[in-house]
């Protein structure tokens, strides 16, 4: 099927020219992607906090991260870990995009990031200092470290980016919505390029306690690599994780004008609200289906044009069933011809950053012709009866892919990516 640009014809097309990622599978996009294709897990025992008295003691942590490889020491001290990860991801993304930033273009380059928790571990540590030692022991930079918008601020400072700047805080949909909103900013002519994505580094005793109280986490502590099992009948919750990914988005003519490498096109974006429950997704999948349909309509593509779906796929009983229903509602009979996989099966749930990591996976799928698997899929669930690309990567020519993100509060966001054909 021929894929045509979305309407209206006058709308600026938006392309991806660079990507950066730090994940539980590695500190670069290539390491991340290689791990996904190999079906390797980045999940292990939790080390960023002491989880000894928690029912869940495993996590997807970014291992071997040294912020000083990317950031001057004095600047790194003024950043919480989630901001450090964002700046590091931006370093790789800008380098791949061959983007030179200076007085001639800084005011036309923006930053739009998604985040769920901000500097949550910093808040916990400074609250402990307050109650144990008094207000004089609280870090005077606390507010500048923990605010969720500080990652976008620090990326702007690091590279002198003076254009459009914002932060999306819609839980697990945040990074996907940030990429979608950045696409709109470029379409509207408010920027020529935007660094868009998400970052999260919230693994802490307080955070784990909160999710444990909701009974949202997997308790397969003895087999961490097998704990995240989206769509599997024996799934028992998600695995908390951290990471960051940033995409350089540009208007097509701007990218062409500077001879930038074009990796893929952001063709469509849709968002919706379940208006159903604070935590649980709409069990009918209706809200998520609306976001999928909106993204397809924005891309000007029929459902049959999509060959691959990168699922939200959290490994929780409610999400995976409702997402399966949403895909069926949005795609009809074509749902059974889709290849679907969950990146979270190998890295865990990076919350506000997850949509950015999954966007990177979609772009690599389009470029490399490989669909990464959903690992740990061992026991089919009759309520999850689609093709989840179980356990082994699959070669496939994919011209258009959908990425789903559905957050707490029923906030849904979806993106459509198209393979770049040079047209």
Protein backbone atom coordinates (compact mmCIF):
# COMPACT_ATOMS: atom_id res chain seq x y z
CA UNK A 1 0.00 0.00 0.00
CA UNK A 2 1.35 3.44 -0.93
CA UNK A 3 1.77 5.76 2.02
CA UNK A 4 0.90 9.37 1.30
CA UNK A 5 1.72 12.43 3.39
CA UNK A 6 -1.00 13.50 5.78
CA UNK A 7 -3.30 16.37 4.92
CA UNK A 8 -3.50 19.31 4.75
CA UNK A 9 -0.81 19.49 2.10
CA UNK A 10 0.44 22.82 3.42
CA UNK A 11 1.33 21.40 6.82
CA UNK A 12 5.05 21.19 7.53
CA UNK A 13 6.34 17.62 7.64
CA UNK A 14 8.43 16.69 10.67
CA UNK A 15 11.35 14.27 10.58
CA UNK A 16 13.74 12.65 13.06
CA UNK A 17 17.39 13.49 12.42
CA UNK A 18 19.10 12.27 15.60
CA UNK A 19 18.49 10.07 18.63
CA UNK A 20 20.14 9.51 22.00
CA UNK A 21 19.31 7.02 24.74
CA UNK A 22 20.52 5.83 28.13
CA UNK A 23 18.66 2.71 29.24
CA UNK A 24 18.97 -0.43 31.37
CA UNK A 25 20.33 -2.10 28.22
CA UNK A 26 23.14 0.37 27.59
CA UNK A 27 24.32 3.94 27.33
CA UNK A 28 23.75 4.50 23.60
CA UNK A 29 21.01 3.93 21.07
CA UNK A 30 22.99 1.12 19.45
CA UNK A 31 23.50 -0.70 22.76
CA UNK A 32 19.81 -0.29 23.58
CA UNK A 33 18.67 -1.55 20.20
CA UNK A 34 21.10 -4.47 20.11
CA UNK A 35 19.85 -5.61 23.51
CA UNK A 36 16.24 -5.42 22.37
CA UNK A 37 16.87 -7.40 19.20
CA UNK A 38 18.78 -10.04 21.15
CA UNK A 39 15.96 -10.32 23.68
CA UNK A 40 18.33 -9.43 26.52
CA UNK A 41 16.96 -8.18 29.83
CA UNK A 42 18.29 -5.11 31.61
CA UNK A 43 16.38 -5.90 34.80
CA UNK A 44 18.15 -7.02 37.97
CA UNK A 45 18.30 -6.53 41.73
CA UNK A 46 17.55 -2.97 42.84
CA UNK A 47 20.70 -1.10 43.92
CA UNK A 48 19.75 2.58 43.78
CA UNK A 49 17.92 2.24 47.10
CA UNK A 50 17.61 -0.43 49.79
CA UNK A 51 14.50 -2.48 48.98
CA UNK A 52 15.07 -5.21 51.59
CA UNK A 53 11.73 -4.73 53.34
CA UNK A 54 9.65 -4.28 50.17
CA UNK A 55 7.63 -6.95 48.36
CA UNK A 56 9.31 -5.89 45.07
CA UNK A 57 13.11 -5.65 45.04
CA UNK A 58 14.02 -5.51 41.32
CA UNK A 59 14.41 -2.69 38.80
CA UNK A 60 15.70 -1.69 35.41
CA UNK A 61 18.62 0.59 36.30
CA UNK A 62 20.97 2.52 34.01
CA UNK A 63 24.25 0.82 34.84
CA UNK A 64 27.69 2.40 34.51
CA UNK A 65 26.41 5.94 34.02
CA UNK A 66 29.07 8.56 34.78
CA UNK A 67 27.57 12.03 34.37
CA UNK A 68 31.01 13.59 34.15
CA UNK A 69 31.54 11.96 30.74
CA UNK A 70 28.87 14.37 29.46
CA UNK A 71 28.67 17.25 31.95
CA UNK A 72 31.17 19.48 33.75
CA UNK A 73 31.45 18.55 37.45
CA UNK A 74 30.19 21.89 38.75
CA UNK A 75 27.16 21.68 36.45
CA UNK A 76 26.46 18.03 37.31
CA UNK A 77 26.22 18.97 41.00
CA UNK A 78 23.32 21.26 40.13
CA UNK A 79 21.35 18.46 38.47
CA UNK A 80 19.32 15.58 39.82
CA UNK A 81 19.91 12.23 38.08
CA UNK A 82 16.90 12.61 35.78
CA UNK A 83 18.34 15.86 34.42
CA UNK A 84 21.80 14.34 34.03
CA UNK A 85 20.36 11.48 31.98
CA UNK A 86 18.48 13.94 29.76
CA UNK A 87 21.58 16.01 29.02
CA UNK A 88 23.58 12.86 28.26
CA UNK A 89 20.91 11.62 25.84
CA UNK A 90 20.88 15.02 24.16
CA UNK A 91 24.64 14.82 23.60
CA UNK A 92 24.23 11.67 21.52
CA UNK A 93 21.14 12.93 19.69
CA UNK A 94 22.74 16.22 18.66
CA UNK A 95 25.88 14.44 17.49
CA UNK A 96 23.93 12.01 15.31
CA UNK A 97 21.89 14.86 13.84
CA UNK A 98 25.09 16.79 13.00
CA UNK A 99 23.30 19.78 14.50
CA UNK A 100 25.49 22.84 14.99
CA UNK A 101 24.05 25.36 17.45
CA UNK A 102 25.07 29.00 17.52
CA UNK A 103 23.80 32.56 17.51
CA UNK A 104 22.40 32.03 14.00
CA UNK A 105 19.86 29.40 15.05
CA UNK A 106 19.64 29.04 18.86
CA UNK A 107 16.37 30.98 19.08
CA UNK A 108 14.73 28.57 16.59
CA UNK A 109 15.66 25.36 18.42
CA UNK A 110 13.51 24.24 21.33
CA UNK A 111 13.28 21.58 24.03
CA UNK A 112 10.16 19.63 25.00
CA UNK A 113 10.54 16.77 27.46
CA UNK A 114 8.23 14.42 29.30
CA UNK A 115 8.71 13.46 32.92
CA UNK A 116 6.66 11.82 35.63
CA UNK A 117 8.39 12.34 38.97
CA UNK A 118 11.15 14.92 38.64
CA UNK A 119 13.88 14.53 41.25
CA UNK A 120 11.92 12.12 43.44
CA UNK A 121 14.99 10.53 45.12
CA UNK A 122 16.30 14.03 45.86
CA UNK A 123 13.03 14.96 47.55
CA UNK A 124 13.21 11.82 49.68
CA UNK A 125 16.81 12.45 50.72
CA UNK A 126 16.23 16.09 51.61
CA UNK A 127 13.03 15.31 53.50
CA UNK A 128 15.06 12.84 55.57
CA UNK A 129 17.65 15.55 56.23
CA UNK A 130 14.91 17.96 57.30
CA UNK A 131 13.29 15.62 59.80
CA UNK A 132 16.52 14.16 61.19
CA UNK A 133 18.80 17.18 61.23
CA UNK A 134 16.64 20.28 60.79
CA UNK A 135 16.05 22.82 58.00
CA UNK A 136 19.63 24.03 57.98
CA UNK A 137 20.75 20.66 56.58
CA UNK A 138 18.47 20.78 53.53
CA UNK A 139 20.31 21.38 50.25
CA UNK A 140 19.69 25.02 49.27
CA UNK A 141 19.45 23.86 45.66
CA UNK A 142 16.62 21.42 46.45
CA UNK A 143 13.96 23.17 44.41
CA UNK A 144 16.30 23.62 41.46
CA UNK A 145 17.18 19.94 41.56
CA UNK A 146 13.78 18.33 41.94
CA UNK A 147 11.33 20.32 39.80
CA UNK A 148 10.19 18.25 36.79
CA UNK A 149 10.90 21.11 34.36
CA UNK A 150 14.58 21.17 35.34
CA UNK A 151 15.54 18.51 32.78
CA UNK A 152 14.32 20.69 29.90
CA UNK A 153 15.96 23.68 31.56
CA UNK A 154 19.31 21.90 31.89
CA UNK A 155 19.26 20.65 28.29
CA UNK A 156 18.61 24.23 27.16
CA UNK A 157 21.45 25.56 29.32
CA UNK A 158 23.88 22.86 28.23
CA UNK A 159 23.49 23.64 24.53
CA UNK A 160 22.36 27.27 24.56
CA UNK A 161 18.91 26.47 23.14
CA UNK A 162 16.78 29.61 23.34
CA UNK A 163 13.64 28.56 21.48
CA UNK A 164 10.34 27.02 22.56
CA UNK A 165 10.71 25.19 25.89
CA UNK A 166 8.22 23.13 27.87
CA UNK A 167 7.69 20.03 30.00
CA UNK A 168 4.86 17.49 29.78
CA UNK A 169 3.90 15.73 33.02
CA UNK A 170 1.28 13.13 32.12
CA UNK A 171 2.71 10.10 33.93
CA UNK A 172 3.49 7.20 31.61
CA UNK A 173 2.23 9.08 28.52
CA UNK A 174 4.54 12.06 29.08
CA UNK A 175 7.38 11.38 26.63
CA UNK A 176 5.06 10.33 23.82
CA UNK A 177 2.98 13.44 24.36
CA UNK A 178 6.16 15.56 24.45
CA UNK A 179 7.21 14.22 21.04
CA UNK A 180 3.71 14.80 19.71
CA UNK A 181 3.51 18.34 21.03
CA UNK A 182 7.00 19.09 19.70
CA UNK A 183 5.79 17.93 16.30
CA UNK A 184 2.93 20.42 16.54
CA UNK A 185 5.31 23.22 17.54
CA UNK A 186 7.34 22.62 14.38
CA UNK A 187 4.25 22.25 12.19
CA UNK A 188 3.04 25.63 13.43
CA UNK A 189 6.34 27.27 12.57
CA UNK A 190 7.23 28.12 16.17
CA UNK A 191 10.56 26.30 15.88
CA UNK A 192 12.76 24.81 13.18
CA UNK A 193 13.97 21.99 15.42
CA UNK A 194 13.06 20.62 18.86
CA UNK A 195 14.86 18.20 21.13
CA UNK A 196 11.97 16.05 22.30
CA UNK A 197 11.67 12.95 24.48
CA UNK A 198 11.59 12.01 28.11
CA UNK A 199 13.61 11.22 31.19
CA UNK A 200 12.96 9.45 34.48
CA UNK A 201 15.13 8.52 37.47
CA UNK A 202 12.72 7.99 40.31
CA UNK A 203 13.87 4.73 41.88
CA UNK A 204 13.75 5.41 45.62
CA UNK A 205 12.28 3.89 48.76
CA UNK A 206 9.40 6.36 48.72
CA UNK A 207 8.60 5.64 45.08
CA UNK A 208 8.78 1.87 45.49
CA UNK A 209 6.63 2.09 48.61
CA UNK A 210 4.01 4.07 46.72
CA UNK A 211 3.78 1.66 43.81
CA UNK A 212 3.88 -1.30 46.20
CA UNK A 213 0.91 0.17 48.02
CA UNK A 214 -0.99 0.16 44.74
CA UNK A 215 0.05 -3.48 44.22
CA UNK A 216 1.32 -2.45 40.79
CA UNK A 217 4.79 -4.05 40.91
CA UNK A 218 5.99 -7.53 40.04
CA UNK A 219 7.20 -9.57 42.99
CA UNK A 220 9.24 -12.10 40.97
CA UNK A 221 12.36 -11.13 42.91
CA UNK A 222 14.09 -14.48 42.43
CA UNK A 223 14.02 -14.22 38.63
CA UNK A 224 14.27 -10.51 37.74
CA UNK A 225 15.01 -11.11 34.05
CA UNK A 226 11.70 -12.99 33.74
CA UNK A 227 9.61 -10.64 35.85
CA UNK A 228 8.36 -8.26 33.15
CA UNK A 229 6.08 -10.40 30.99
CA UNK A 230 3.60 -8.28 29.05
CA UNK A 231 0.51 -10.06 27.73
CA UNK A 232 1.56 -13.32 29.42
CA UNK A 233 -1.17 -14.99 31.45
CA UNK A 234 1.08 -15.10 34.54
CA UNK A 235 2.06 -11.41 34.55
CA UNK A 236 1.88 -9.91 38.02
CA UNK A 237 2.86 -6.25 37.65
CA UNK A 238 5.41 -3.90 36.15
CA UNK A 239 9.09 -3.54 36.99
CA UNK A 240 10.17 0.04 37.85
CA UNK A 241 12.96 1.42 35.69
CA UNK A 242 14.86 4.56 34.78
CA UNK A 243 16.30 6.01 31.59
CA UNK A 244 16.16 8.81 29.07
CA UNK A 245 15.80 9.19 25.32
CA UNK A 246 15.77 12.29 23.15
CA UNK A 247 14.96 12.71 19.47
CA UNK A 248 16.02 15.66 17.35
CA UNK A 249 12.89 16.65 15.41
CA UNK A 250 13.08 19.07 12.50
CA UNK A 251 10.89 20.50 9.81
CA UNK A 252 11.61 18.59 6.62
CA UNK A 253 12.79 21.61 4.65
CA UNK A 254 15.04 22.71 7.51
CA UNK A 255 16.62 19.26 7.70
CA UNK A 256 17.08 19.12 3.94
CA UNK A 257 18.51 22.59 3.86
CA UNK A 258 21.39 21.66 6.14
CA UNK A 259 21.91 18.18 4.70
CA UNK A 260 20.88 16.40 7.89
CA UNK A 261 20.49 12.61 8.06
CA UNK A 262 16.78 11.77 8.03
CA UNK A 263 15.93 8.69 10.07
CA UNK A 264 12.11 8.65 9.93
CA UNK A 265 9.05 10.88 9.79
CA UNK A 266 6.72 11.70 12.69
CA UNK A 267 3.51 11.39 10.71
CA UNK A 268 0.75 11.45 13.30
CA UNK A 269 -0.08 12.24 16.91
CA UNK A 270 -3.19 11.64 18.96
CA UNK A 271 -4.13 12.11 22.61
CA UNK A 272 -7.21 11.40 24.71
CA UNK A 273 -8.48 10.91 28.24
CA UNK A 274 -10.30 7.88 29.63
CA UNK A 275 -12.13 10.03 32.22
CA UNK A 276 -12.64 6.74 34.02
CA UNK A 277 -10.38 6.18 37.06
CA UNK A 278 -7.31 7.61 38.82
CA UNK A 279 -5.18 4.52 38.23
CA UNK A 280 -7.04 1.78 36.35
CA UNK A 281 -7.43 2.04 32.58
CA UNK A 282 -10.88 1.97 31.03
CA UNK A 283 -11.45 -1.80 30.82
CA UNK A 284 -13.16 -1.43 27.44
CA UNK A 285 -10.11 0.24 25.91
CA UNK A 286 -12.30 3.02 24.49
CA UNK A 287 -10.10 5.94 25.55
CA UNK A 288 -6.90 4.36 24.27
CA UNK A 289 -8.66 3.48 21.01
CA UNK A 290 -9.62 7.15 20.55
CA UNK A 291 -5.98 8.17 20.84
CA UNK A 292 -4.95 5.52 18.29
CA UNK A 293 -7.63 6.65 15.84
CA UNK A 294 -6.62 10.28 16.33
CA UNK A 295 -2.98 9.49 15.54
CA UNK A 296 -3.97 7.57 12.40
CA UNK A 297 -6.23 10.42 11.28
CA UNK A 298 -3.50 12.96 11.91
CA UNK A 299 -1.13 10.87 9.79
CA UNK A 300 -3.72 10.56 7.03
CA UNK A 301 -3.31 6.78 7.06
CA UNK A 302 -5.89 3.99 7.17
CA UNK A 303 -5.49 1.33 9.87
CA UNK A 304 -4.27 -1.15 7.25
CA UNK A 305 -1.16 0.99 6.61
CA UNK A 306 0.24 0.14 10.07
CA UNK A 307 2.31 -3.04 10.22
CA UNK A 308 3.78 -2.75 13.71
CA UNK A 309 2.61 -1.51 17.10
CA UNK A 310 5.02 -0.81 19.93
CA UNK A 311 2.66 -1.49 22.79
CA UNK A 312 2.45 0.28 26.10
CA UNK A 313 2.60 -3.31 27.37
CA UNK A 314 3.32 -2.77 31.06
CA UNK A 315 2.93 -6.38 32.27
CA UNK A 316 0.02 -5.47 34.57
CA UNK A 317 -3.14 -7.56 34.36
CA UNK A 318 -5.45 -4.60 33.65
CA UNK A 319 -3.29 -2.66 31.17
CA UNK A 320 -2.43 -5.49 28.82
CA UNK A 321 -6.03 -6.65 28.52
CA UNK A 322 -7.43 -3.15 27.97
CA UNK A 323 -4.69 -2.31 25.45
CA UNK A 324 -5.50 -5.47 23.48
CA UNK A 325 -9.14 -4.37 23.37
CA UNK A 326 -8.13 -0.86 22.32
CA UNK A 327 -6.06 -2.19 19.42
CA UNK A 328 -8.99 -4.35 18.31
CA UNK A 329 -11.39 -1.39 18.50
CA UNK A 330 -9.08 0.89 16.51
CA UNK A 331 -7.91 -1.61 13.88
CA UNK A 332 -10.83 -4.02 13.52
CA UNK A 333 -9.89 -7.23 11.71
CA UNK A 334 -6.48 -5.76 10.84
CA UNK A 335 -5.57 -6.09 14.54
CA UNK A 336 -4.92 -9.79 13.98
CA UNK A 337 -2.43 -8.99 11.20
CA UNK A 338 -0.38 -6.56 13.29
CA UNK A 339 2.96 -7.39 14.83
CA UNK A 340 2.95 -6.06 18.41
CA UNK A 341 5.78 -5.99 20.92
CA UNK A 342 6.57 -4.49 24.31
CA UNK A 343 9.93 -2.83 24.94
CA UNK A 344 9.12 -2.94 28.66
CA UNK A 345 9.54 -6.70 28.66
CA UNK A 346 13.32 -6.09 28.62
CA UNK A 347 13.86 -2.70 30.27
CA UNK A 348 10.95 -2.45 32.68
CA UNK A 349 8.70 0.60 32.92
CA UNK A 350 10.59 3.89 32.73
CA UNK A 351 7.35 5.78 33.43
CA UNK A 352 7.58 9.32 32.00
CA UNK A 353 10.51 8.35 29.77
CA UNK A 354 9.01 5.14 28.37
CA UNK A 355 7.41 6.67 25.28
CA UNK A 356 10.73 8.16 24.19
CA UNK A 357 12.58 4.86 24.50
CA UNK A 358 9.80 3.21 22.53
CA UNK A 359 9.91 5.93 19.87
CA UNK A 360 13.60 5.12 19.39
CA UNK A 361 12.67 1.44 19.02
CA UNK A 362 10.05 2.32 16.39
CA UNK A 363 12.51 4.37 14.34
CA UNK A 364 15.04 1.54 14.42
CA UNK A 365 12.34 -0.94 13.40
CA UNK A 366 11.51 1.18 10.36
CA UNK A 367 15.17 1.59 9.40
CA UNK A 368 16.50 -1.88 10.17
CA UNK A 369 13.55 -4.04 9.17
CA UNK A 370 13.58 -5.89 12.49
CA UNK A 371 10.80 -6.10 15.09
CA UNK A 372 12.11 -6.75 18.57
CA UNK A 373 10.32 -9.42 20.60
CA UNK A 374 8.12 -9.39 23.64
CA UNK A 375 10.21 -11.53 25.95
CA UNK A 376 8.95 -13.84 28.71
CA UNK A 377 5.82 -14.62 26.72
CA UNK A 378 5.28 -18.22 27.85
CA UNK A 379 1.63 -18.65 28.81
CA UNK A 380 -0.95 -17.34 26.33
CA UNK A 381 -3.77 -15.33 27.85
CA UNK A 382 -7.12 -15.89 26.10
CA UNK A 383 -7.93 -12.21 26.70
CA UNK A 384 -4.68 -11.15 24.99
CA UNK A 385 -4.96 -13.02 21.71
CA UNK A 386 -2.99 -10.94 19.20
CA UNK A 387 0.50 -11.43 17.73
CA UNK A 388 2.92 -10.13 20.37
CA UNK A 389 6.11 -11.29 18.56
CA UNK A 390 6.94 -13.74 21.35
CA UNK A 391 10.52 -14.19 22.52
CA UNK A 392 12.38 -13.87 19.21
CA UNK A 393 13.01 -10.87 16.97
CA UNK A 394 11.38 -10.97 13.57
CA UNK A 395 12.54 -9.58 10.24
CA UNK A 396 9.84 -7.52 8.55
CA UNK A 397 9.59 -4.58 6.19
CA UNK A 398 7.63 -1.96 8.14
CA UNK A 399 6.55 1.22 6.37
CA UNK A 400 4.53 2.69 9.25
CA UNK A 401 4.50 1.99 12.98
CA UNK A 402 2.33 3.05 15.92
CA UNK A 403 3.65 3.71 19.43
CA UNK A 404 1.22 3.59 22.37
CA UNK A 405 1.55 5.23 25.80
CA UNK A 406 -1.20 5.17 28.41
CA UNK A 407 -0.64 6.89 31.75
CA UNK A 408 -2.10 6.98 35.25
CA UNK A 409 -5.12 9.24 35.26
CA UNK A 410 -6.29 7.76 31.96
CA UNK A 411 -4.09 10.06 29.89
CA UNK A 412 -3.35 8.48 26.52
CA UNK A 413 -0.94 9.46 23.75
CA UNK A 414 -0.01 7.74 20.48
CA UNK A 415 2.43 8.45 17.66
CA UNK A 416 2.66 7.22 14.08
CA UNK A 417 6.12 6.99 12.53
CA UNK A 418 6.74 6.46 8.81
CA UNK A 419 9.78 4.98 7.19
CA UNK A 420 11.76 7.63 5.35
CA UNK A 421 11.78 6.95 1.65
CA UNK A 422 13.51 10.15 0.60
CA UNK A 423 10.38 11.69 -0.91
